[in-house]
Protein backbone atom coordinates (compact mmCIF):
# COMPACT_ATOMS: atom_id res chain seq x y z
CA MET A 1 0.00 0.00 0.00
CA PRO A 2 1.70 3.25 -1.04
CA PRO A 3 2.00 5.99 1.60
CA LYS A 4 -0.45 8.89 1.49
CA THR A 5 2.36 11.38 1.38
CA LYS A 6 5.77 10.89 -0.12
CA VAL A 7 8.78 13.11 -0.26
CA GLU A 8 10.18 13.04 -3.80
CA THR A 9 13.90 13.49 -3.85
CA ALA A 10 16.65 13.15 -6.40
CA PRO A 11 19.27 10.46 -5.83
CA SER A 12 21.68 11.72 -3.22
CA THR A 13 25.37 12.19 -3.91
CA VAL A 14 27.83 10.91 -1.34
CA LYS A 15 28.52 14.46 -0.13
CA GLU A 16 24.81 15.24 0.17
CA LEU A 17 24.21 12.05 2.10
CA LYS A 18 27.10 12.67 4.47
CA ASP A 19 26.12 16.30 5.09
CA THR A 20 22.44 15.52 5.54
CA LEU A 21 22.96 12.61 7.87
CA TRP A 22 25.62 14.28 9.97
CA LYS A 23 23.24 17.21 10.46
CA ALA A 24 20.73 14.61 11.56
CA ALA A 25 23.18 13.23 14.10
CA ASP A 26 23.70 16.71 15.52
CA LYS A 27 19.98 16.98 16.25
CA LEU A 28 20.35 14.40 19.03
CA ARG A 29 23.88 15.26 20.14
CA GLY A 30 22.79 17.47 23.03
CA SER A 31 20.31 15.04 24.55
CA MET A 32 22.44 11.89 24.96
CA ASP A 33 26.03 10.72 25.30
CA ALA A 34 28.20 10.04 22.25
CA SER A 35 28.06 6.26 22.41
CA GLN A 36 24.26 6.18 22.65
CA TYR A 37 23.60 8.64 19.84
CA LYS A 38 26.07 6.68 17.72
CA ASP A 39 23.89 3.59 18.12
CA VAL A 40 20.72 5.58 17.38
CA ILE A 41 22.08 7.20 14.23
CA LEU A 42 23.81 4.14 12.79
CA GLY A 43 20.74 2.03 13.51
CA LEU A 44 18.53 4.48 11.63
CA VAL A 45 20.98 4.70 8.73
CA PHE A 46 20.88 0.92 8.46
CA LEU A 47 17.07 0.81 8.61
CA LYS A 48 16.83 3.55 5.99
CA TYR A 49 19.13 1.64 3.69
CA VAL A 50 17.44 -1.77 3.96
CA SER A 51 14.06 -0.11 3.39
CA ASP A 52 15.25 1.87 0.35
CA ALA A 53 16.90 -1.25 -1.14
CA PHE A 54 13.72 -3.24 -0.50
CA THR A 55 11.52 -0.58 -2.14
CA GLU A 56 13.80 -0.40 -5.18
CA ARG A 57 13.73 -4.19 -5.60
CA ARG A 58 9.94 -4.18 -5.16
CA THR A 59 9.55 -1.60 -7.93
CA GLN A 60 11.93 -3.54 -10.17
CA LEU A 61 10.05 -6.79 -9.52
CA HIS A 62 6.71 -5.12 -10.33
CA GLU A 63 8.13 -3.95 -13.66
CA GLU A 64 9.49 -7.43 -14.45
CA LEU A 65 6.17 -9.12 -13.72
CA ALA A 66 4.23 -6.50 -15.68
CA ALA A 67 6.58 -6.97 -18.62
CA ASP A 68 5.71 -10.67 -18.52
CA GLY A 69 2.09 -9.72 -19.12
CA MET A 70 0.76 -10.32 -15.62
CA SER A 71 -2.25 -8.47 -14.27
CA GLU A 72 -2.16 -6.37 -11.08
CA ASP A 73 -3.98 -9.17 -9.21
CA GLN A 74 -1.40 -11.71 -10.32
CA ILE A 75 1.44 -9.34 -9.45
CA SER A 76 0.02 -8.74 -5.96
CA GLN A 77 0.16 -12.50 -5.32
CA LEU A 78 3.81 -12.80 -6.40
CA ILE A 79 5.40 -9.52 -5.31
CA ASP A 80 5.69 -10.61 -1.68
CA ASP A 81 7.75 -13.72 -2.44
CA THR A 82 10.69 -13.26 -0.04
CA ASP A 83 13.02 -15.32 -2.25
CA GLU A 84 12.72 -12.64 -4.94
CA TYR A 85 14.39 -10.25 -2.48
CA THR A 86 16.81 -12.34 -0.42
CA GLY A 87 17.97 -14.13 -3.57
CA ARG A 88 19.15 -10.74 -4.87
CA GLY A 89 20.99 -9.84 -1.65
CA VAL A 90 18.15 -7.61 -0.44
CA PHE A 91 16.82 -7.95 3.11
CA TRP A 92 13.11 -8.63 3.48
CA VAL A 93 11.48 -5.64 5.21
CA PRO A 94 8.02 -6.22 6.78
CA ALA A 95 5.36 -3.54 6.23
CA ASN A 96 5.68 -2.02 9.72
CA ALA A 97 9.44 -1.59 9.25
CA ARG A 98 9.37 0.15 5.89
CA TRP A 99 10.59 3.71 5.88
CA GLU A 100 7.42 5.08 4.28
CA TYR A 101 5.37 3.78 7.23
CA LEU A 102 7.75 5.22 9.82
CA ALA A 103 8.05 8.58 8.03
CA GLU A 104 4.27 8.82 7.79
CA ASN A 105 4.03 8.27 11.56
CA ALA A 106 7.08 10.30 12.59
CA LYS A 107 5.02 12.04 15.29
CA GLY A 108 3.72 8.74 16.63
CA LEU A 109 0.62 6.61 16.16
CA PRO A 110 -2.59 7.83 17.83
CA ALA A 111 -4.93 5.54 19.76
CA ILE A 112 -6.99 3.56 17.22
CA ASP A 113 -9.83 1.13 17.93
CA GLY A 114 -9.01 0.95 21.62
CA ALA A 115 -5.27 0.32 21.07
CA ALA A 116 -2.88 2.47 23.08
CA PRO A 117 -1.05 5.26 21.25
CA LYS A 118 2.58 4.65 20.30
CA ASN A 119 5.40 7.15 20.02
CA ILE A 120 7.92 7.03 17.20
CA GLY A 121 10.50 5.33 19.42
CA GLU A 122 8.16 2.39 20.01
CA LEU A 123 7.47 2.14 16.27
CA ILE A 124 11.21 2.08 15.43
CA ASP A 125 11.95 -0.55 18.10
CA ALA A 126 9.13 -2.67 16.63
CA ALA A 127 10.59 -2.14 13.15
CA MET A 128 13.99 -3.34 14.33
CA ASP A 129 12.38 -6.45 15.84
CA ALA A 130 10.48 -7.13 12.62
CA VAL A 131 13.57 -6.85 10.41
CA MET A 132 15.61 -9.16 12.69
CA ALA A 133 12.77 -11.71 12.82
CA ALA A 134 12.49 -11.71 9.01
CA ASN A 135 16.25 -11.97 8.41
CA PRO A 136 18.01 -14.55 10.63
CA THR A 137 21.48 -13.23 9.72
CA LEU A 138 20.59 -10.00 11.56
CA ALA A 139 19.46 -11.75 14.76
CA ALA A 140 20.57 -9.88 17.91
CA THR A 141 22.26 -7.24 15.76
CA LEU A 142 20.06 -4.14 15.48
CA PRO A 143 19.69 -1.62 18.32
CA ARG A 144 16.42 -1.41 20.27
CA ILE A 145 17.03 1.80 22.18
CA PHE A 146 14.69 4.29 20.53
CA ASN A 147 11.97 4.30 23.19
CA ARG A 148 14.22 5.05 26.14
CA ASP A 149 13.66 8.07 28.39
CA SER A 150 17.00 9.49 27.27
CA VAL A 151 15.82 9.71 23.64
CA ASP A 152 13.91 12.91 22.88
CA GLN A 153 10.92 11.65 20.88
CA ARG A 154 10.22 15.02 19.27
CA ARG A 155 13.80 15.29 18.02
CA LEU A 156 13.66 11.66 16.89
CA GLY A 157 10.62 12.46 14.76
CA GLU A 158 12.43 15.47 13.27
CA LEU A 159 15.36 13.15 12.60
CA LEU A 160 13.16 10.86 10.51
CA ASP A 161 11.88 13.85 8.55
CA LEU A 162 15.46 14.87 7.76
CA PHE A 163 16.45 11.30 6.84
CA ASN A 164 13.46 11.22 4.53
CA THR A 165 15.24 13.65 2.19
CA ALA A 166 18.16 11.25 1.71
CA ARG A 167 17.95 8.37 -0.72
CA PHE A 168 20.22 5.37 -1.07
CA THR A 169 18.55 4.14 -4.24
CA GLY A 170 18.03 5.27 -7.81
CA GLN A 171 21.46 4.34 -9.10
CA GLY A 172 21.18 0.57 -8.94
CA ALA A 173 21.29 -1.69 -5.90
CA GLY A 174 25.09 -2.06 -6.01
CA ARG A 175 25.68 1.66 -6.18
CA ALA A 176 23.11 2.24 -3.45
CA ARG A 177 24.96 -0.17 -1.19
CA ASP A 178 28.26 1.55 -1.95
CA LEU A 179 26.78 4.94 -1.10
CA LEU A 180 25.41 3.69 2.19
CA GLY A 181 28.67 1.92 2.93
CA GLU A 182 30.59 5.16 2.46
CA VAL A 183 28.15 7.03 4.68
CA TYR A 184 28.40 4.35 7.37
CA GLU A 185 32.22 4.43 7.28
CA TYR A 186 32.17 8.23 7.38
CA PHE A 187 30.00 8.08 10.47
CA LEU A 188 32.24 5.51 12.14
CA GLU A 189 35.20 7.84 11.58
CA LYS A 190 33.27 10.87 12.88
CA PHE A 191 32.11 9.04 15.97
CA ALA A 192 35.60 7.64 16.60
CA ARG A 193 36.94 11.19 16.59
CA ALA A 194 34.15 12.38 18.88
CA GLU A 195 34.82 9.59 21.37
CA GLY A 196 38.60 9.94 21.37
CA LYS A 197 40.38 6.97 22.94
CA ARG A 198 37.14 4.99 23.21
CA GLY A 199 36.62 5.47 19.48
CA GLY A 200 39.92 3.76 18.76
CA GLU A 201 38.41 0.51 20.03
CA PHE A 202 36.14 0.20 17.01
CA TYR A 203 37.82 2.22 14.27
CA THR A 204 41.17 1.86 12.50
CA PRO A 205 42.09 4.69 10.08
CA ALA A 206 41.36 3.61 6.52
CA GLY A 207 44.92 4.40 5.37
CA VAL A 208 46.42 2.00 7.91
CA VAL A 209 43.97 -0.75 6.92
CA ARG A 210 44.80 -0.21 3.27
CA VAL A 211 48.51 -0.75 3.95
CA LEU A 212 47.67 -4.24 5.24
CA VAL A 213 45.27 -5.01 2.40
CA GLU A 214 47.50 -3.71 -0.40
CA VAL A 215 50.51 -5.66 0.89
CA LEU A 216 48.63 -8.92 1.50
CA GLU A 217 46.40 -8.73 -1.62
CA PRO A 218 43.62 -11.04 -0.38
CA THR A 219 41.85 -12.38 -3.46
CA SER A 220 40.38 -15.69 -2.32
CA GLY A 221 40.11 -17.96 0.68
CA ARG A 222 39.51 -17.30 4.36
CA VAL A 223 40.11 -13.81 5.79
CA TYR A 224 40.27 -13.52 9.59
CA ASP A 225 40.45 -10.70 12.14
CA PRO A 226 40.62 -11.70 15.83
CA ALA A 227 39.84 -8.16 17.05
CA CYS A 228 37.58 -7.05 14.24
CA GLY A 229 36.13 -3.83 15.70
CA SER A 230 33.49 -2.49 13.32
CA GLY A 231 34.76 -4.64 10.43
CA GLY A 232 37.01 -2.17 8.62
CA MET A 233 39.53 -4.83 7.55
CA PHE A 234 36.82 -6.78 5.76
CA VAL A 235 35.33 -3.69 4.10
CA GLN A 236 38.72 -2.67 2.70
CA THR A 237 39.21 -6.25 1.46
CA GLU A 238 35.92 -5.95 -0.41
CA LYS A 239 37.05 -2.64 -1.92
CA PHE A 240 40.34 -4.24 -2.99
CA LEU A 241 38.45 -7.04 -4.73
CA ASP A 242 36.14 -4.56 -6.48
CA ALA A 243 39.08 -2.39 -7.59
CA HIS A 244 40.70 -5.45 -9.18
CA HIS A 245 37.41 -6.68 -10.66
CA ALA A 246 37.67 -9.83 -8.57
CA ASP A 247 34.79 -11.93 -7.28
CA ARG A 248 33.93 -10.81 -3.74
CA THR A 249 32.28 -14.19 -3.09
CA ALA A 250 35.72 -15.81 -3.44
CA ILE A 251 36.53 -14.81 0.14
CA SER A 252 35.04 -16.07 3.40
CA VAL A 253 35.14 -13.68 6.32
CA TYR A 254 35.71 -14.71 9.96
CA GLY A 255 36.04 -12.42 12.94
CA GLN A 256 35.70 -12.03 16.67
CA GLU A 257 35.04 -8.95 18.79
CA LEU A 258 35.08 -8.47 22.55
CA ASN A 259 32.70 -5.51 22.89
CA GLU A 260 28.98 -6.18 22.40
CA ARG A 261 28.12 -2.77 20.88
CA THR A 262 31.08 -2.92 18.54
CA TRP A 263 30.15 -6.47 17.50
CA ARG A 264 26.68 -5.22 16.57
CA MET A 265 28.17 -2.33 14.57
CA ALA A 266 30.37 -4.78 12.67
CA LYS A 267 27.42 -7.02 11.86
CA MET A 268 25.50 -4.04 10.44
CA ASN A 269 28.54 -2.71 8.57
CA LEU A 270 29.21 -6.03 6.86
CA ALA A 271 25.54 -6.58 6.06
CA ILE A 272 25.47 -3.17 4.38
CA HIS A 273 28.46 -4.14 2.24
CA GLY A 274 26.88 -7.43 1.26
CA LEU A 275 29.56 -9.48 3.02
CA ASN A 276 28.46 -12.77 4.55
CA ALA A 277 30.65 -12.81 7.63
CA ASN A 278 30.99 -15.33 10.43
CA LEU A 279 31.51 -13.09 13.47
CA ALA A 280 30.49 -15.94 15.81
CA PRO A 281 27.08 -16.20 17.49
CA ARG A 282 28.05 -13.55 20.03
CA TRP A 283 30.84 -11.27 21.12
CA GLY A 284 33.67 -12.67 23.25
CA ASP A 285 37.31 -12.53 24.41
CA THR A 286 39.64 -14.09 21.82
CA PHE A 287 42.11 -15.19 24.52
CA ALA A 288 39.52 -16.61 26.94
CA ARG A 289 37.56 -18.41 24.23
CA ASP A 290 38.59 -18.57 20.60
CA GLN A 291 35.26 -18.76 18.78
CA HIS A 292 36.87 -20.10 15.58
CA PRO A 293 39.11 -22.79 17.13
CA ASP A 294 39.54 -25.02 14.08
CA MET A 295 39.60 -22.32 11.38
CA GLN A 296 42.88 -21.89 9.48
CA ALA A 297 43.08 -18.61 7.58
CA ASP A 298 44.68 -17.75 4.28
CA TYR A 299 44.90 -14.11 5.37
CA VAL A 300 44.84 -12.54 8.81
CA MET A 301 44.55 -8.77 9.24
CA ALA A 302 44.28 -7.17 12.64
CA ASN A 303 44.69 -4.03 14.71
CA PRO A 304 44.40 -5.47 18.22
CA PRO A 305 44.45 -3.17 21.28
CA PHE A 306 48.02 -2.24 22.21
CA ASN A 307 49.83 -3.14 25.42
CA ILE A 308 46.88 -4.75 27.26
CA LYS A 309 47.87 -5.35 30.88
CA ASP A 310 44.79 -7.26 32.05
CA TRP A 311 44.17 -10.20 29.74
CA ALA A 312 43.02 -13.83 30.01
CA ARG A 313 46.41 -15.52 30.30
CA ASN A 314 46.75 -19.29 30.45
CA GLU A 315 50.35 -20.49 30.56
CA SER A 316 49.46 -23.90 29.10
CA ASP A 317 47.65 -22.43 26.07
CA PRO A 318 48.91 -24.30 22.96
CA ARG A 319 48.99 -21.01 21.04
CA TRP A 320 52.14 -19.96 22.92
CA ARG A 321 54.38 -22.08 20.72
CA TYR A 322 57.26 -19.59 20.81
CA GLY A 323 57.04 -18.68 24.49
CA VAL A 324 54.50 -17.65 27.12
CA PRO A 325 53.65 -13.92 26.81
CA PRO A 326 54.21 -11.79 29.92
CA VAL A 327 51.42 -11.13 32.42
CA ASN A 328 51.33 -7.36 31.92
CA ASN A 329 51.39 -7.11 28.12
CA ALA A 330 49.33 -9.04 25.53
CA ASN A 331 51.21 -7.87 22.41
CA TYR A 332 52.97 -11.19 21.89
CA ALA A 333 49.81 -13.08 22.77
CA TRP A 334 48.10 -11.40 19.80
CA ILE A 335 51.09 -12.09 17.56
CA GLN A 336 51.22 -15.77 18.47
CA HIS A 337 47.46 -16.18 18.22
CA ILE A 338 47.60 -14.76 14.70
CA ILE A 339 50.48 -17.04 13.71
CA SER A 340 48.58 -20.03 15.09
CA LYS A 341 45.67 -19.19 12.80
CA LEU A 342 47.66 -19.24 9.56
CA ALA A 343 47.03 -22.06 7.11
CA PRO A 344 50.01 -23.49 5.19
CA GLY A 345 50.91 -20.74 2.74
CA GLY A 346 48.93 -18.20 4.80
CA THR A 347 50.02 -14.59 5.29
CA ALA A 348 49.17 -11.99 7.93
CA GLY A 349 49.47 -8.29 8.68
CA VAL A 350 49.05 -6.85 12.17
CA VAL A 351 49.29 -3.32 13.55
CA MET A 352 51.33 -3.14 16.74
CA ALA A 353 52.86 -0.57 19.07
CA ASN A 354 56.47 0.23 18.12
CA GLY A 355 57.71 -1.20 21.41
CA SER A 356 56.86 -4.69 20.16
CA MET A 357 59.75 -4.52 17.68
CA SER A 358 62.48 -4.29 20.30
CA SER A 359 61.07 -4.97 23.78
CA ASN A 360 62.95 -7.50 25.91
CA SER A 361 60.80 -7.32 29.04
CA GLY A 362 58.93 -10.36 30.32
CA GLY A 363 60.66 -12.69 27.87
CA GLU A 364 59.38 -10.83 24.80
CA GLY A 365 62.86 -10.68 23.29
CA GLN A 366 63.18 -14.47 23.43
CA ILE A 367 59.73 -14.94 21.88
CA ARG A 368 60.62 -12.53 19.07
CA ALA A 369 63.90 -14.37 18.45
CA GLN A 370 62.06 -17.69 18.19
CA ILE A 371 59.57 -16.25 15.69
CA VAL A 372 62.37 -14.75 13.60
CA GLU A 373 64.36 -18.01 13.62
CA ALA A 374 61.22 -19.87 12.52
CA ASP A 375 61.39 -17.59 9.45
CA LEU A 376 57.81 -16.37 9.90
CA VAL A 377 58.44 -12.62 9.60
CA SER A 378 58.34 -11.37 6.02
CA CYS A 379 58.24 -7.59 6.39
CA MET A 380 58.34 -4.86 9.05
CA VAL A 381 57.01 -1.37 8.37
CA ALA A 382 57.54 1.59 10.70
CA LEU A 383 54.59 3.97 10.19
CA PRO A 384 54.43 7.74 10.71
CA THR A 385 53.27 9.18 14.02
CA GLN A 386 49.77 10.65 14.62
CA LEU A 387 47.92 8.26 12.31
CA PHE A 388 45.62 7.39 15.23
CA ARG A 389 43.73 10.24 16.81
CA SER A 390 42.92 7.96 19.73
CA THR A 391 46.51 7.31 20.79
CA ALA A 392 49.91 9.00 20.62
CA ILE A 393 51.69 5.62 20.68
CA PRO A 394 53.81 5.23 17.49
CA VAL A 395 52.84 2.15 15.50
CA CYS A 396 54.27 -0.36 13.06
CA THR A 397 52.97 -3.23 10.97
CA TRP A 398 54.25 -6.78 11.18
CA PHE A 399 53.78 -9.05 8.18
CA PHE A 400 54.04 -12.81 8.53
CA ALA A 401 54.27 -15.60 5.94
CA LYS A 402 54.16 -19.34 6.49
CA ASP A 403 56.02 -19.88 3.20
CA LYS A 404 58.48 -17.41 1.65
CA THR A 405 59.65 -19.67 -1.18
CA ALA A 406 58.91 -18.78 -4.80
CA GLY A 407 55.32 -19.67 -5.57
CA GLU A 408 51.78 -18.33 -5.24
CA HIS A 409 52.75 -15.19 -3.33
CA GLY A 410 55.77 -14.23 -5.43
CA SER A 411 58.35 -15.41 -7.90
CA VAL A 412 61.36 -14.57 -5.72
CA ASP A 413 62.47 -16.96 -2.97
CA ARG A 414 62.83 -14.87 0.19
CA THR A 415 63.53 -17.72 2.59
CA GLY A 416 65.75 -16.48 5.43
CA GLN A 417 65.17 -12.80 4.60
CA VAL A 418 63.04 -9.97 6.03
CA LEU A 419 62.17 -6.71 4.29
CA PHE A 420 62.42 -3.58 6.44
CA ILE A 421 60.56 -0.42 5.40
CA ASP A 422 60.91 2.87 7.25
CA ALA A 423 57.81 4.86 6.28
CA ARG A 424 57.97 7.35 9.15
CA ASN A 425 58.48 10.29 6.78
CA LEU A 426 55.40 9.52 4.69
CA GLY A 427 51.94 11.00 5.18
CA HIS A 428 50.51 14.49 5.51
CA MET A 429 48.75 16.34 8.33
CA VAL A 430 44.98 16.66 7.85
CA ASP A 431 44.78 18.89 10.94
CA ARG A 432 46.95 19.65 13.96
CA ALA A 433 46.22 16.30 15.59
CA GLU A 434 46.05 13.74 12.80
CA ARG A 435 48.19 12.50 9.92
CA ALA A 436 46.93 10.53 6.93
CA LEU A 437 48.57 8.37 4.29
CA SER A 438 47.89 9.29 0.67
CA ASP A 439 47.25 6.80 -2.14
CA LYS A 440 50.81 7.46 -3.30
CA ASP A 441 52.24 6.72 0.16
CA ILE A 442 50.34 3.45 0.42
CA ALA A 443 51.40 2.47 -3.11
CA LYS A 444 55.06 3.19 -2.29
CA ILE A 445 54.96 0.78 0.66
CA ALA A 446 53.00 -1.93 -1.17
CA ASP A 447 54.95 -1.64 -4.43
CA THR A 448 58.24 -1.95 -2.56
CA PHE A 449 57.05 -5.14 -0.87
CA HIS A 450 55.72 -6.66 -4.10
CA ALA A 451 58.90 -5.87 -6.00
CA TRP A 452 60.85 -7.55 -3.18
CA ARG A 453 58.57 -10.58 -3.25
CA GLY A 454 58.30 -10.74 -7.04
CA SER A 455 54.50 -10.54 -6.94
CA ALA A 456 52.51 -10.44 -10.18
CA SER A 457 51.32 -6.94 -9.24
CA ALA A 458 54.94 -5.73 -9.30
CA GLU A 459 54.79 -6.11 -13.10
CA GLY A 460 58.43 -7.07 -13.38
CA GLU A 461 59.82 -4.24 -11.23
CA GLU A 462 63.02 -5.39 -9.56
CA TYR A 463 63.65 -4.68 -5.91
CA GLU A 464 66.60 -2.55 -4.78
CA ASP A 465 67.55 -1.44 -1.28
CA GLU A 466 66.94 2.29 -0.81
CA ALA A 467 68.99 4.02 1.87
CA GLY A 468 66.74 5.53 4.50
CA PHE A 469 63.64 3.69 3.27
CA CYS A 470 64.02 -0.06 2.69
CA TYR A 471 66.51 -2.88 3.21
CA SER A 472 66.35 -6.64 2.73
CA ALA A 473 68.07 -8.22 5.73
CA THR A 474 69.14 -11.81 6.35
CA LEU A 475 68.35 -13.68 9.54
CA ALA A 476 72.08 -13.39 10.35
CA ASP A 477 71.79 -9.58 10.14
CA ILE A 478 68.83 -9.67 12.52
CA LYS A 479 70.58 -12.00 14.95
CA GLU A 480 73.56 -9.62 14.98
CA ALA A 481 71.13 -6.82 15.98
CA ASP A 482 69.95 -9.00 18.91
CA TYR A 483 66.68 -9.72 17.06
CA ALA A 484 65.48 -6.12 17.18
CA LEU A 485 63.09 -5.53 14.25
CA THR A 486 63.07 -1.74 14.14
CA PRO A 487 63.46 -0.73 10.46
CA GLY A 488 65.62 2.28 11.32
CA ARG A 489 68.40 -0.08 12.45
CA TYR A 490 68.62 -1.62 8.99
CA VAL A 491 67.69 0.92 6.32
CA GLY A 492 70.43 3.41 7.27
CA ALA A 493 70.45 7.11 6.51
CA VAL A 494 69.15 8.75 3.36
CA ASP A 495 71.84 9.23 0.75
CA VAL A 496 72.67 12.92 0.37
CA GLU A 497 73.28 14.03 -3.18
CA GLU A 498 76.80 15.36 -3.79
CA ASP A 499 76.59 19.04 -4.73
CA GLY A 500 80.08 19.21 -6.29
CA GLU A 501 81.44 21.82 -3.82
CA PRO A 502 84.89 20.84 -2.45
CA ILE A 503 84.68 20.06 1.27
CA GLU A 504 87.34 22.66 2.25
CA GLU A 505 85.46 25.42 0.43
CA LYS A 506 82.14 24.31 1.94
CA ILE A 507 83.57 24.43 5.49
CA ALA A 508 85.04 27.91 4.89
CA ARG A 509 81.75 29.18 3.41
CA LEU A 510 79.64 27.82 6.24
CA LYS A 511 82.08 29.24 8.81
CA ASN A 512 81.84 32.72 7.26
CA GLU A 513 78.00 32.48 7.18
CA LEU A 514 77.97 31.48 10.84
CA PHE A 515 80.24 34.39 11.87
CA GLU A 516 78.02 36.79 9.91
CA GLN A 517 74.97 35.47 11.78
CA PHE A 518 76.80 35.89 15.11
CA GLU A 519 77.56 39.52 14.23
CA GLU A 520 73.94 40.17 13.19
CA SER A 521 72.73 38.61 16.45
CA GLU A 522 75.04 40.87 18.49
CA ARG A 523 73.83 43.94 16.55
CA LEU A 524 70.17 43.08 17.20
CA ALA A 525 70.89 42.45 20.88
CA ALA A 526 72.45 45.93 21.16
CA VAL A 527 69.37 47.48 19.51
CA VAL A 528 67.08 45.70 21.97
CA ARG A 529 69.18 46.83 24.97
CA GLU A 530 69.06 50.45 23.74
CA GLN A 531 65.26 50.32 23.35
CA LEU A 532 64.85 48.83 26.82
CA ARG A 533 67.11 51.58 28.29
CA ARG A 534 64.92 54.30 26.73
CA VAL A 535 61.73 52.71 28.09
CA SER A 536 63.13 52.52 31.61
């Protein structure tokens, strides 16, 4: 049944969607805390998307059936076949959860035929229940917080009116999903910034994720993240596949997340991007209970929390093959868990605090030495500072490979070698607090690795050490450095171009310039003293 009133809008551009929806978020900002309004806004964005995608598929299906010569009565009997929607990757949206119904009743539902009136919050909660009941993959995922005392119902109604001007359809279902996906990611980034350190628990900057994805090049098989946050690693994997015109169904996604709210965000995020992900039946601690115990991954990508002091440590855990991690730091627990998850031929990339590359406390140095001697480390990248708004801790990326011989991952045998990349000078400041990596920066890191490995994507480019940036070290080199894996120890200083000026002449010239500056400094000091004397 079509709504009595309908707001006609043109398809929204990404910028229009972002601006409109962020304005919508601001409407509730003053009446609730950041984490709650995040759940409200992202939940509504998701509901708006699934409803728009459903409506577009419904219109398309009506046209298909009409083109087959069916009457309106015949169409009405077939148009509610759920398989016609779910089979096209579209969620089934019951009538009471469709956006038109909610927008029409944005001020609530009055008492009718003896039934109690309902405010808009109650209607949205009921819509969330209906969508989850109709789509088992969304079970226990969507927020039901819209009828709480802390949610201003008048503002919530205004919010729906504003959302009603934004459309995620009109450019094809795939494009609609991409638009919504970009909006959702934009919101995750905005909320992460608003929440500061707390935001870092669910959001990894896209540039950092892309470094992992572009180096690993996940094209098929099982992709795993043991601390998946809101699912950014998987989303960037999907984008990588799309950019290379690869089949996104060729990957299977597995993840685990400790925080319940973040787990729900990840489920919504991946559903929006059309990724069928196994994030386990519920949230949980990866160390206390690995929810994918028998899964062996072809690719692991992770940004686990740094330097955790309070973690579920079990000394007899079989994952600690290279040594038991210390009580007060889980960094090497994450590293060994990730290694334990790699299938034969598997590769991994993990973001870690810089201290992990050289720490010797609590037996970490011995664990690192064992991992290096097992020839599991393929590449170490030191990243620039200030990439994470949520922490000032400098970070690096570790890359692991179960097999470094010539084969599927590259034509060059790198057994017994590790590539070191010092990327600390890359990136640009987007504001006073945050640095970002450009496409060119990310390509420089990834291209260097692929040239070193002889990957197909290197297109025949041969690797060469570059002073100050990259160096291919042997295990003997690393042992000589006491198993420290800090790239700066290996890449050396940047070569300075010879300017042709004889050294004696250069020293004399610089000495004269220095004396001239001393004299100018003394003259200015005398001027200042004279001015101060006159004032006094």
